[in-house]
PDB file of N, CA and C in Angstrom:
ATOM      1  N   MET A   1      -5.988   0.681  32.527  1.00  0.00           N
ATOM      2  CA  MET A   1      -5.393   1.932  32.076  1.00  0.00           C
ATOM      3  C   MET A   1      -4.138   1.653  31.239  1.00  0.00           C
ATOM      4  N   GLU A   2      -3.288   0.753  31.726  1.00  0.00           N
ATOM      5  CA  GLU A   2      -2.063   0.429  30.998  1.00  0.00           C
ATOM      6  C   GLU A   2      -2.381  -0.231  29.659  1.00  0.00           C
ATOM      7  N   GLU A   3      -3.427  -1.057  29.642  1.00  0.00           N
ATOM      8  CA  GLU A   3      -3.828  -1.720  28.393  1.00  0.00           C
ATOM      9  C   GLU A   3      -4.287  -0.699  27.363  1.00  0.00           C
ATOM     10  N   GLN A   4      -5.023   0.322  27.798  1.00  0.00           N
ATOM     11  CA  GLN A   4      -5.475   1.378  26.893  1.00  0.00           C
ATOM     12  C   GLN A   4      -4.273   2.127  26.324  1.00  0.00           C
ATOM     13  N   SER A   5      -3.285   2.367  27.148  1.00  0.00           N
ATOM     14  CA  SER A   5      -2.082   3.057  26.691  1.00  0.00           C
ATOM     15  C   SER A   5      -1.366   2.227  25.623  1.00  0.00           C
ATOM     16  N   ARG A   6      -1.295   0.918  25.832  1.00  0.00           N
ATOM     17  CA  ARG A   6      -0.682   0.042  24.837  1.00  0.00           C
ATOM     18  C   ARG A   6      -1.456   0.063  23.526  1.00  0.00           C
ATOM     19  N   GLU A   7      -2.779   0.021  23.639  1.00  0.00           N
ATOM     20  CA  GLU A   7      -3.615   0.083  22.434  1.00  0.00           C
ATOM     21  C   GLU A   7      -3.388   1.381  21.683  1.00  0.00           C
ATOM     22  N   GLU A   8      -3.340   2.485  22.410  1.00  0.00           N
ATOM     23  CA  GLU A   8      -3.108   3.785  21.782  1.00  0.00           C
ATOM     24  C   GLU A   8      -1.746   3.824  21.110  1.00  0.00           C
ATOM     25  N   GLN A   9      -0.746   3.254  21.752  1.00  0.00           N
ATOM     26  CA  GLN A   9       0.597   3.211  21.176  1.00  0.00           C
ATOM     27  C   GLN A   9       0.600   2.362  19.906  1.00  0.00           C
ATOM     28  N   CYS A  10      -0.084   1.222  19.933  1.00  0.00           N
ATOM     29  CA  CYS A  10      -0.181   0.368  18.741  1.00  0.00           C
ATOM     30  C   CYS A  10      -0.897   1.097  17.609  1.00  0.00           C
ATOM     31  N   LEU A  11      -1.960   1.807  17.942  1.00  0.00           N
ATOM     32  CA  LEU A  11      -2.689   2.567  16.924  1.00  0.00           C
ATOM     33  C   LEU A  11      -1.820   3.662  16.324  1.00  0.00           C
ATOM     34  N   ARG A  12      -1.060   4.358  17.153  1.00  0.00           N
ATOM     35  CA  ARG A  12      -0.164   5.408  16.646  1.00  0.00           C
ATOM     36  C   ARG A  12       0.888   4.819  15.719  1.00  0.00           C
ATOM     37  N   LYS A  13       1.443   3.672  16.100  1.00  0.00           N
ATOM     38  CA  LYS A  13       2.441   3.025  15.252  1.00  0.00           C
ATOM     39  C   LYS A  13       1.821   2.586  13.932  1.00  0.00           C
ATOM     40  N   ALA A  14       0.607   2.065  13.994  1.00  0.00           N
ATOM     41  CA  ALA A  14      -0.081   1.655  12.767  1.00  0.00           C
ATOM     42  C   ALA A  14      -0.346   2.860  11.872  1.00  0.00           C
ATOM     43  N   GLU A  15      -0.796   3.955  12.463  1.00  0.00           N
ATOM     44  CA  GLU A  15      -1.049   5.180  11.697  1.00  0.00           C
ATOM     45  C   GLU A  15       0.233   5.697  11.057  1.00  0.00           C
ATOM     46  N   GLU A  16       1.329   5.660  11.800  1.00  0.00           N
ATOM     47  CA  GLU A  16       2.616   6.104  11.255  1.00  0.00           C
ATOM     48  C   GLU A  16       3.026   5.227  10.077  1.00  0.00           C
ATOM     49  N   TYR A  17       2.833   3.923  10.216  1.00  0.00           N
ATOM     50  CA  TYR A  17       3.185   2.986   9.149  1.00  0.00           C
ATOM     51  C   TYR A  17       2.356   3.263   7.896  1.00  0.00           C
ATOM     52  N   VAL A  18       1.048   3.426   8.081  1.00  0.00           N
ATOM     53  CA  VAL A  18       0.144   3.703   6.962  1.00  0.00           C
ATOM     54  C   VAL A  18       0.545   5.000   6.267  1.00  0.00           C
ATOM     55  N   LYS A  19       0.869   5.999   7.050  1.00  0.00           N
ATOM     56  CA  LYS A  19       1.272   7.291   6.494  1.00  0.00           C
ATOM     57  C   LYS A  19       2.621   7.190   5.784  1.00  0.00           C
ATOM     58  N   GLU A  20       3.572   6.537   6.418  1.00  0.00           N
ATOM     59  CA  GLU A  20       4.917   6.410   5.859  1.00  0.00           C
ATOM     60  C   GLU A  20       4.916   5.699   4.510  1.00  0.00           C
ATOM     61  N   HIS A  21       4.065   4.693   4.376  1.00  0.00           N
ATOM     62  CA  HIS A  21       4.037   3.899   3.151  1.00  0.00           C
ATOM     63  C   HIS A  21       2.902   4.292   2.198  1.00  0.00           C
ATOM     64  N   ASP A  22       2.198   5.379   2.519  1.00  0.00           N
ATOM     65  CA  ASP A  22       1.136   5.916   1.663  1.00  0.00           C
ATOM     66  C   ASP A  22       0.078   4.864   1.342  1.00  0.00           C
ATOM     67  N   ILE A  23      -0.282   4.076   2.357  1.00  0.00           N
ATOM     68  CA  ILE A  23      -1.209   2.960   2.175  1.00  0.00           C
ATOM     69  C   ILE A  23      -2.584   3.429   1.725  1.00  0.00           C
ATOM     70  N   HIS A  24      -3.072   4.547   2.260  1.00  0.00           N
ATOM     71  CA  HIS A  24      -4.400   5.035   1.856  1.00  0.00           C
ATOM     72  C   HIS A  24      -4.468   5.262   0.346  1.00  0.00           C
ATOM     73  N   ARG A  25      -3.455   5.893  -0.208  1.00  0.00           N
ATOM     74  CA  ARG A  25      -3.446   6.166  -1.642  1.00  0.00           C
ATOM     75  C   ARG A  25      -3.394   4.868  -2.442  1.00  0.00           C
ATOM     76  N   ILE A  26      -2.566   3.942  -1.996  1.00  0.00           N
ATOM     77  CA  ILE A  26      -2.417   2.671  -2.709  1.00  0.00           C
ATOM     78  C   ILE A  26      -3.734   1.903  -2.732  1.00  0.00           C
ATOM     79  N   VAL A  27      -4.390   1.816  -1.577  1.00  0.00           N
ATOM     80  CA  VAL A  27      -5.656   1.083  -1.496  1.00  0.00           C
ATOM     81  C   VAL A  27      -6.745   1.804  -2.290  1.00  0.00           C
ATOM     82  N   LYS A  28      -6.779   3.120  -2.195  1.00  0.00           N
ATOM     83  CA  LYS A  28      -7.776   3.896  -2.944  1.00  0.00           C
ATOM     84  C   LYS A  28      -7.588   3.681  -4.450  1.00  0.00           C
ATOM     85  N   ASP A  29      -6.347   3.741  -4.919  1.00  0.00           N
ATOM     86  CA  ASP A  29      -6.060   3.521  -6.334  1.00  0.00           C
ATOM     87  C   ASP A  29      -6.483   2.115  -6.759  1.00  0.00           C
ATOM     88  N   CYS A  30      -6.218   1.152  -5.904  1.00  0.00           N
ATOM     89  CA  CYS A  30      -6.587  -0.228  -6.190  1.00  0.00           C
ATOM     90  C   CYS A  30      -8.104  -0.358  -6.357  1.00  0.00           C
ATOM     91  N   ILE A  31      -8.860   0.238  -5.480  1.00  0.00           N
ATOM     92  CA  ILE A  31     -10.321   0.183  -5.559  1.00  0.00           C
ATOM     93  C   ILE A  31     -10.809   0.887  -6.817  1.00  0.00           C
ATOM     94  N   VAL A  32     -10.217   2.018  -7.141  1.00  0.00           N
ATOM     95  CA  VAL A  32     -10.588   2.739  -8.364  1.00  0.00           C
ATOM     96  C   VAL A  32     -10.341   1.854  -9.589  1.00  0.00           C
ATOM     97  N   GLN A  33      -9.177   1.216  -9.633  1.00  0.00           N
ATOM     98  CA  GLN A  33      -8.854   0.343 -10.764  1.00  0.00           C
ATOM     99  C   GLN A  33      -9.841  -0.828 -10.866  1.00  0.00           C
ATOM    100  N   LEU A  34     -10.223  -1.382  -9.728  1.00  0.00           N
ATOM    101  CA  LEU A  34     -11.228  -2.457  -9.734  1.00  0.00           C
ATOM    102  C   LEU A  34     -12.550  -1.958 -10.307  1.00  0.00           C
ATOM    103  N   CYS A  35     -12.958  -0.777  -9.906  1.00  0.00           N
ATOM    104  CA  CYS A  35     -14.231  -0.224 -10.383  1.00  0.00           C
ATOM    105  C   CYS A  35     -14.175   0.126 -11.867  1.00  0.00           C
ATOM    106  N   ILE A  36     -13.037   0.568 -12.340  1.00  0.00           N
ATOM    107  CA  ILE A  36     -12.892   0.899 -13.760  1.00  0.00           C
ATOM    108  C   ILE A  36     -12.910  -0.362 -14.606  1.00  0.00           C
ATOM    109  N   HIS A  37     -12.122  -1.354 -14.215  1.00  0.00           N
ATOM    110  CA  HIS A  37     -11.951  -2.553 -15.039  1.00  0.00           C
ATOM    111  C   HIS A  37     -13.001  -3.643 -14.786  1.00  0.00           C
ATOM    112  N   ARG A  38     -13.563  -3.669 -13.605  1.00  0.00           N
ATOM    113  CA  ARG A  38     -14.567  -4.666 -13.215  1.00  0.00           C
ATOM    114  C   ARG A  38     -14.218  -6.074 -13.707  1.00  0.00           C
ATOM    115  N   PRO A  39     -13.085  -6.579 -13.276  1.00  0.00           N
ATOM    116  CA  PRO A  39     -12.641  -7.889 -13.764  1.00  0.00           C
ATOM    117  C   PRO A  39     -13.542  -9.013 -13.252  1.00  0.00           C
ATOM    118  N   ASP A  40     -13.626 -10.092 -14.032  1.00  0.00           N
ATOM    119  CA  ASP A  40     -14.386 -11.264 -13.605  1.00  0.00           C
ATOM    120  C   ASP A  40     -13.740 -11.909 -12.384  1.00  0.00           C
ATOM    121  N   SER A  41     -12.428 -11.807 -12.310  1.00  0.00           N
ATOM    122  CA  SER A  41     -11.693 -12.382 -11.187  1.00  0.00           C
ATOM    123  C   SER A  41     -10.953 -11.270 -10.436  1.00  0.00           C
ATOM    124  N   PRO A  42     -11.622 -10.663  -9.461  1.00  0.00           N
ATOM    125  CA  PRO A  42     -10.996  -9.564  -8.734  1.00  0.00           C
ATOM    126  C   PRO A  42      -9.687  -9.965  -8.054  1.00  0.00           C
ATOM    127  N   TYR A  43      -9.610 -11.198  -7.556  1.00  0.00           N
ATOM    128  CA  TYR A  43      -8.391 -11.624  -6.862  1.00  0.00           C
ATOM    129  C   TYR A  43      -7.209 -11.689  -7.810  1.00  0.00           C
ATOM    130  N   SER A  44      -7.421 -12.222  -8.989  1.00  0.00           N
ATOM    131  CA  SER A  44      -6.346 -12.269  -9.989  1.00  0.00           C
ATOM    132  C   SER A  44      -5.948 -10.861 -10.394  1.00  0.00           C
ATOM    133  N   PHE A  45      -6.938 -10.010 -10.591  1.00  0.00           N
ATOM    134  CA  PHE A  45      -6.660  -8.620 -10.950  1.00  0.00           C
ATOM    135  C   PHE A  45      -5.823  -7.944  -9.875  1.00  0.00           C
ATOM    136  N   LEU A  46      -6.217  -8.132  -8.603  1.00  0.00           N
ATOM    137  CA  LEU A  46      -5.481  -7.513  -7.497  1.00  0.00           C
ATOM    138  C   LEU A  46      -4.059  -8.051  -7.415  1.00  0.00           C
ATOM    139  N   ARG A  47      -3.909  -9.350  -7.604  1.00  0.00           N
ATOM    140  CA  ARG A  47      -2.569  -9.941  -7.578  1.00  0.00           C
ATOM    141  C   ARG A  47      -1.698  -9.306  -8.663  1.00  0.00           C
ATOM    142  N   GLN A  48      -2.234  -9.184  -9.864  1.00  0.00           N
ATOM    143  CA  GLN A  48      -1.481  -8.575 -10.971  1.00  0.00           C
ATOM    144  C   GLN A  48      -1.226  -7.093 -10.712  1.00  0.00           C
ATOM    145  N   HIS A  49      -2.223  -6.421 -10.179  1.00  0.00           N
ATOM    146  CA  HIS A  49      -2.087  -4.993  -9.886  1.00  0.00           C
ATOM    147  C   HIS A  49      -0.949  -4.752  -8.897  1.00  0.00           C
ATOM    148  N   PHE A  50      -0.936  -5.518  -7.814  1.00  0.00           N
ATOM    149  CA  PHE A  50       0.107  -5.336  -6.811  1.00  0.00           C
ATOM    150  C   PHE A  50       1.466  -5.799  -7.310  1.00  0.00           C
ATOM    151  N   ALA A  51       1.503  -6.821  -8.147  1.00  0.00           N
ATOM    152  CA  ALA A  51       2.777  -7.276  -8.716  1.00  0.00           C
ATOM    153  C   ALA A  51       3.362  -6.180  -9.608  1.00  0.00           C
ATOM    154  N   SER A  52       2.511  -5.551 -10.429  1.00  0.00           N
ATOM    155  CA  SER A  52       3.025  -4.484 -11.297  1.00  0.00           C
ATOM    156  C   SER A  52       3.427  -3.264 -10.474  1.00  0.00           C
ATOM    157  N   LEU A  53       2.679  -2.980  -9.434  1.00  0.00           N
ATOM    158  CA  LEU A  53       3.022  -1.866  -8.549  1.00  0.00           C
ATOM    159  C   LEU A  53       4.361  -2.121  -7.871  1.00  0.00           C
ATOM    160  N   GLU A  54       4.582  -3.356  -7.451  1.00  0.00           N
ATOM    161  CA  GLU A  54       5.845  -3.713  -6.802  1.00  0.00           C
ATOM    162  C   GLU A  54       7.015  -3.544  -7.767  1.00  0.00           C
ATOM    163  N   LYS A  55       6.821  -3.944  -9.031  1.00  0.00           N
ATOM    164  CA  LYS A  55       7.886  -3.781 -10.027  1.00  0.00           C
ATOM    165  C   LYS A  55       8.208  -2.309 -10.240  1.00  0.00           C
ATOM    166  N   VAL A  56       7.183  -1.500 -10.374  1.00  0.00           N
ATOM    167  CA  VAL A  56       7.380  -0.061 -10.590  1.00  0.00           C
ATOM    168  C   VAL A  56       8.108   0.556  -9.397  1.00  0.00           C
ATOM    169  N   CYS A  57       7.681   0.212  -8.198  1.00  0.00           N
ATOM    170  CA  CYS A  57       8.304   0.781  -6.996  1.00  0.00           C
ATOM    171  C   CYS A  57       9.742   0.321  -6.854  1.00  0.00           C
ATOM    172  N   SER A  58      10.028  -0.913  -7.154  1.00  0.00           N
ATOM    173  CA  SER A  58      11.414  -1.385  -7.023  1.00  0.00           C
ATOM    174  C   SER A  58      12.294  -0.734  -8.082  1.00  0.00           C
ATOM    175  N   ASN A  59      11.760  -0.485  -9.266  1.00  0.00           N
ATOM    176  CA  ASN A  59      12.533   0.213 -10.305  1.00  0.00           C
ATOM    177  C   ASN A  59      12.806   1.649  -9.906  1.00  0.00           C
ATOM    178  N   VAL A  60      11.844   2.303  -9.307  1.00  0.00           N
ATOM    179  CA  VAL A  60      12.025   3.688  -8.874  1.00  0.00           C
ATOM    180  C   VAL A  60      13.089   3.740  -7.793  1.00  0.00           C
ATOM    181  N   ARG A  61      13.042   2.811  -6.828  1.00  0.00           N
ATOM    182  CA  ARG A  61      14.055   2.785  -5.766  1.00  0.00           C
ATOM    183  C   ARG A  61      15.430   2.509  -6.349  1.00  0.00           C
ATOM    184  N   PHE A  62      15.500   1.594  -7.306  1.00  0.00           N
ATOM    185  CA  PHE A  62      16.780   1.255  -7.928  1.00  0.00           C
ATOM    186  C   PHE A  62      17.321   2.461  -8.684  1.00  0.00           C
ATOM    187  N   ASP A  63      16.459   3.124  -9.471  1.00  0.00           N
ATOM    188  CA  ASP A  63      16.892   4.298 -10.221  1.00  0.00           C
ATOM    189  C   ASP A  63      17.367   5.390  -9.274  1.00  0.00           C
ATOM    190  N   PHE A  64      16.656   5.586  -8.176  1.00  0.00           N
ATOM    191  CA  PHE A  64      17.030   6.615  -7.222  1.00  0.00           C
ATOM    192  C   PHE A  64      18.370   6.276  -6.589  1.00  0.00           C
ATOM    193  N   ALA A  65      18.558   5.023  -6.250  1.00  0.00           N
ATOM    194  CA  ALA A  65      19.806   4.596  -5.599  1.00  0.00           C
ATOM    195  C   ALA A  65      20.996   4.735  -6.536  1.00  0.00           C
ATOM    196  N   THR A  66      20.796   4.507  -7.818  1.00  0.00           N
ATOM    197  CA  THR A  66      21.922   4.570  -8.757  1.00  0.00           C
ATOM    198  C   THR A  66      22.248   6.000  -9.152  1.00  0.00           C
ATOM    199  N   THR A  67      21.318   6.931  -8.989  1.00  0.00           N
ATOM    200  CA  THR A  67      21.577   8.309  -9.377  1.00  0.00           C
ATOM    201  C   THR A  67      22.143   9.128  -8.230  1.00  0.00           C
ATOM    202  N   ASN A  68      22.081   8.600  -7.019  1.00  0.00           N
ATOM    203  CA  ASN A  68      22.600   9.348  -5.857  1.00  0.00           C
ATOM    204  C   ASN A  68      23.889   8.766  -5.369  1.00  0.00           C
TER     205      ASN A  68
END
């Protein structure tokens, strides 16, 4: 019983994390981009995709921090 409670707590924390960081949207967008571009090297494409996403997100955070 206690183990089930721990599992449920871990699942809730995971769900909160996914929701907080909008992971579903990010992964869905990534899959859409893969299907649109159909790269020969999906791993390289994903690496570049996430690197560009990281740059955009860090710029948005920086811009937000400097304007407030």
